[in-house]
N, C-alpha and C. Protein backbone atom coordinates (compact mmCIF):
# COMPACT_ATOMS: atom_id res chain seq x y z
N UNK A 1 78.45 130.49 127.98
CA UNK A 1 77.26 130.40 127.16
C UNK A 1 76.28 129.45 127.83
N UNK A 2 75.03 129.81 127.80
CA UNK A 2 73.98 128.96 128.35
C UNK A 2 73.70 127.79 127.43
N UNK A 3 73.31 126.67 128.00
CA UNK A 3 72.84 125.53 127.21
C UNK A 3 71.33 125.61 127.16
N UNK A 4 70.78 125.52 125.97
CA UNK A 4 69.33 125.59 125.78
C UNK A 4 68.81 124.26 125.30
N UNK A 5 67.57 124.02 125.55
CA UNK A 5 66.89 122.87 124.95
C UNK A 5 65.66 123.41 124.24
N UNK A 6 65.09 122.61 123.38
CA UNK A 6 63.92 123.06 122.65
C UNK A 6 62.74 123.29 123.58
N UNK A 7 62.80 122.78 124.80
CA UNK A 7 61.73 122.99 125.77
C UNK A 7 61.75 124.43 126.30
N UNK A 8 62.89 125.13 126.15
CA UNK A 8 63.05 126.47 126.69
C UNK A 8 62.71 127.56 125.66
N UNK A 9 62.03 127.24 124.59
CA UNK A 9 61.78 128.21 123.54
C UNK A 9 60.37 128.76 123.59
N UNK A 10 60.15 129.97 123.16
CA UNK A 10 61.16 130.92 122.68
C UNK A 10 62.05 131.39 123.82
N UNK A 11 63.27 131.81 123.45
CA UNK A 11 64.27 132.23 124.43
C UNK A 11 64.64 133.68 124.17
N UNK A 12 64.69 134.46 125.23
CA UNK A 12 65.12 135.86 125.16
C UNK A 12 66.15 136.10 126.25
N UNK A 13 67.21 136.83 125.89
CA UNK A 13 68.20 137.23 126.88
C UNK A 13 68.91 138.48 126.39
N UNK A 14 69.62 139.12 127.29
CA UNK A 14 70.40 140.31 126.96
C UNK A 14 71.87 139.98 127.14
N UNK A 15 72.67 140.36 126.14
CA UNK A 15 74.11 140.11 126.17
C UNK A 15 74.79 141.39 125.69
N UNK A 16 75.62 141.98 126.54
CA UNK A 16 76.36 143.21 126.23
C UNK A 16 75.44 144.33 125.74
N UNK A 17 74.23 144.39 126.28
CA UNK A 17 73.29 145.45 125.93
C UNK A 17 72.45 145.17 124.70
N UNK A 18 72.62 144.01 124.08
CA UNK A 18 71.84 143.62 122.91
C UNK A 18 70.83 142.55 123.32
N UNK A 19 69.68 142.58 122.73
CA UNK A 19 68.65 141.57 123.01
C UNK A 19 68.76 140.44 122.00
N UNK A 20 68.77 139.22 122.50
CA UNK A 20 68.81 138.02 121.67
C UNK A 20 67.45 137.33 121.77
N UNK A 21 66.91 136.94 120.63
CA UNK A 21 65.64 136.21 120.60
C UNK A 21 65.84 134.97 119.73
N UNK A 22 65.50 133.80 120.27
CA UNK A 22 65.62 132.53 119.55
C UNK A 22 64.29 131.81 119.62
N UNK A 23 63.86 131.29 118.48
CA UNK A 23 62.61 130.53 118.42
C UNK A 23 62.74 129.43 117.37
N UNK A 24 61.84 128.48 117.41
CA UNK A 24 61.80 127.46 116.37
C UNK A 24 61.48 128.14 115.05
N UNK A 25 62.11 127.67 113.99
CA UNK A 25 61.87 128.24 112.67
C UNK A 25 60.39 128.06 112.31
N UNK A 26 59.70 129.15 111.99
CA UNK A 26 58.28 129.03 111.64
C UNK A 26 58.03 128.30 110.32
N UNK A 27 59.08 128.14 109.50
CA UNK A 27 58.97 127.41 108.24
C UNK A 27 59.06 125.91 108.56
N UNK A 28 57.94 125.21 108.56
CA UNK A 28 57.91 123.81 108.96
C UNK A 28 58.69 122.89 108.02
N UNK A 29 59.01 123.35 106.82
CA UNK A 29 59.73 122.51 105.86
C UNK A 29 61.24 122.62 106.02
N UNK A 30 61.72 123.74 106.52
CA UNK A 30 63.16 123.93 106.67
C UNK A 30 63.64 123.58 108.07
N UNK A 31 62.75 123.61 109.04
CA UNK A 31 63.07 123.31 110.43
C UNK A 31 64.19 124.21 110.95
N UNK A 32 64.85 123.82 112.02
CA UNK A 32 65.92 124.61 112.60
C UNK A 32 65.40 125.67 113.55
N UNK A 33 66.27 126.62 113.86
CA UNK A 33 65.98 127.65 114.85
C UNK A 33 66.42 129.01 114.33
N UNK A 34 65.53 129.97 114.38
CA UNK A 34 65.88 131.32 113.94
C UNK A 34 66.30 132.14 115.15
N UNK A 35 67.26 133.04 114.92
CA UNK A 35 67.74 133.92 115.97
C UNK A 35 67.80 135.33 115.42
N UNK A 36 67.69 136.29 116.32
CA UNK A 36 67.86 137.69 115.94
C UNK A 36 68.46 138.45 117.11
N UNK A 37 69.19 139.51 116.77
CA UNK A 37 69.71 140.40 117.80
C UNK A 37 69.20 141.80 117.50
N UNK A 38 68.88 142.49 118.55
CA UNK A 38 68.36 143.85 118.39
C UNK A 38 68.84 144.73 119.52
N UNK A 39 68.71 146.01 119.29
CA UNK A 39 68.96 147.01 120.33
C UNK A 39 67.87 148.06 120.14
N UNK A 40 67.06 148.20 121.16
CA UNK A 40 65.90 149.09 121.02
C UNK A 40 64.92 148.50 120.00
N UNK A 41 64.52 149.32 119.04
CA UNK A 41 63.58 148.86 118.01
C UNK A 41 64.26 148.38 116.74
N UNK A 42 65.60 148.37 116.72
CA UNK A 42 66.34 148.03 115.51
C UNK A 42 66.84 146.59 115.55
N UNK A 43 66.46 145.79 114.55
CA UNK A 43 67.03 144.45 114.40
C UNK A 43 68.35 144.60 113.67
N UNK A 44 69.43 144.12 114.28
CA UNK A 44 70.76 144.32 113.75
C UNK A 44 71.30 143.13 112.98
N UNK A 45 70.85 141.94 113.30
CA UNK A 45 71.30 140.74 112.59
C UNK A 45 70.33 139.62 112.89
N UNK A 46 70.34 138.61 112.04
CA UNK A 46 69.49 137.44 112.25
C UNK A 46 70.06 136.27 111.47
N UNK A 47 69.60 135.08 111.80
CA UNK A 47 70.09 133.90 111.11
C UNK A 47 69.26 132.68 111.41
N UNK A 48 69.69 131.57 110.83
CA UNK A 48 69.01 130.29 110.98
C UNK A 48 70.06 129.21 111.18
N UNK A 49 69.88 128.39 112.20
CA UNK A 49 70.80 127.30 112.49
C UNK A 49 70.03 126.02 112.73
N UNK A 50 70.71 124.89 112.57
CA UNK A 50 70.05 123.59 112.72
C UNK A 50 69.81 123.20 114.17
N UNK A 51 70.70 123.63 115.07
CA UNK A 51 70.59 123.30 116.49
C UNK A 51 70.40 124.57 117.30
N UNK A 52 69.64 124.47 118.37
CA UNK A 52 69.33 125.65 119.18
C UNK A 52 70.58 126.25 119.81
N UNK A 53 71.52 125.44 120.25
CA UNK A 53 72.74 125.97 120.84
C UNK A 53 73.64 126.61 119.79
N UNK A 54 73.59 126.15 118.54
CA UNK A 54 74.31 126.80 117.46
C UNK A 54 73.73 128.19 117.20
N UNK A 55 72.41 128.32 117.31
CA UNK A 55 71.76 129.62 117.12
C UNK A 55 72.21 130.59 118.20
N UNK A 56 72.28 130.15 119.44
CA UNK A 56 72.71 131.02 120.53
C UNK A 56 74.17 131.43 120.34
N UNK A 57 75.01 130.49 119.96
CA UNK A 57 76.42 130.79 119.72
C UNK A 57 76.58 131.78 118.57
N UNK A 58 75.80 131.60 117.51
CA UNK A 58 75.86 132.52 116.37
C UNK A 58 75.43 133.93 116.77
N UNK A 59 74.42 134.03 117.61
CA UNK A 59 73.98 135.34 118.09
C UNK A 59 75.08 136.01 118.92
N UNK A 60 75.72 135.26 119.81
CA UNK A 60 76.82 135.81 120.61
C UNK A 60 77.95 136.29 119.70
N UNK A 61 78.31 135.49 118.71
CA UNK A 61 79.39 135.87 117.79
C UNK A 61 79.03 137.11 116.99
N UNK A 62 77.78 137.23 116.57
CA UNK A 62 77.35 138.40 115.82
C UNK A 62 77.45 139.66 116.69
N UNK A 63 77.09 139.54 117.96
CA UNK A 63 77.20 140.68 118.88
C UNK A 63 78.67 141.04 119.10
N UNK A 64 79.50 140.03 119.32
CA UNK A 64 80.93 140.29 119.50
C UNK A 64 81.51 141.00 118.29
N UNK A 65 81.07 140.61 117.10
CA UNK A 65 81.55 141.25 115.87
C UNK A 65 81.08 142.70 115.80
N UNK A 66 79.84 142.96 116.20
CA UNK A 66 79.34 144.34 116.22
C UNK A 66 80.11 145.21 117.20
N UNK A 67 80.56 144.62 118.29
CA UNK A 67 81.27 145.37 119.33
C UNK A 67 82.73 145.64 118.96
N UNK A 68 83.28 144.89 118.00
CA UNK A 68 84.71 145.08 117.66
C UNK A 68 84.93 146.19 116.67
């Protein structure tokens, strides 16, 4: 897994054919980092985590779950 910092956002990468997108949460009151996974034009899952590396890990786990 890659290590990210908030300086590297927004972040996009492809993992097992799925696109991962991570950005700072646009809700300034809740903070954190939002993530989403998609394939083509379909968003398959998304979430919110407090740390950017937790968001990336959650996206990887969601993809692994979709693949199983």
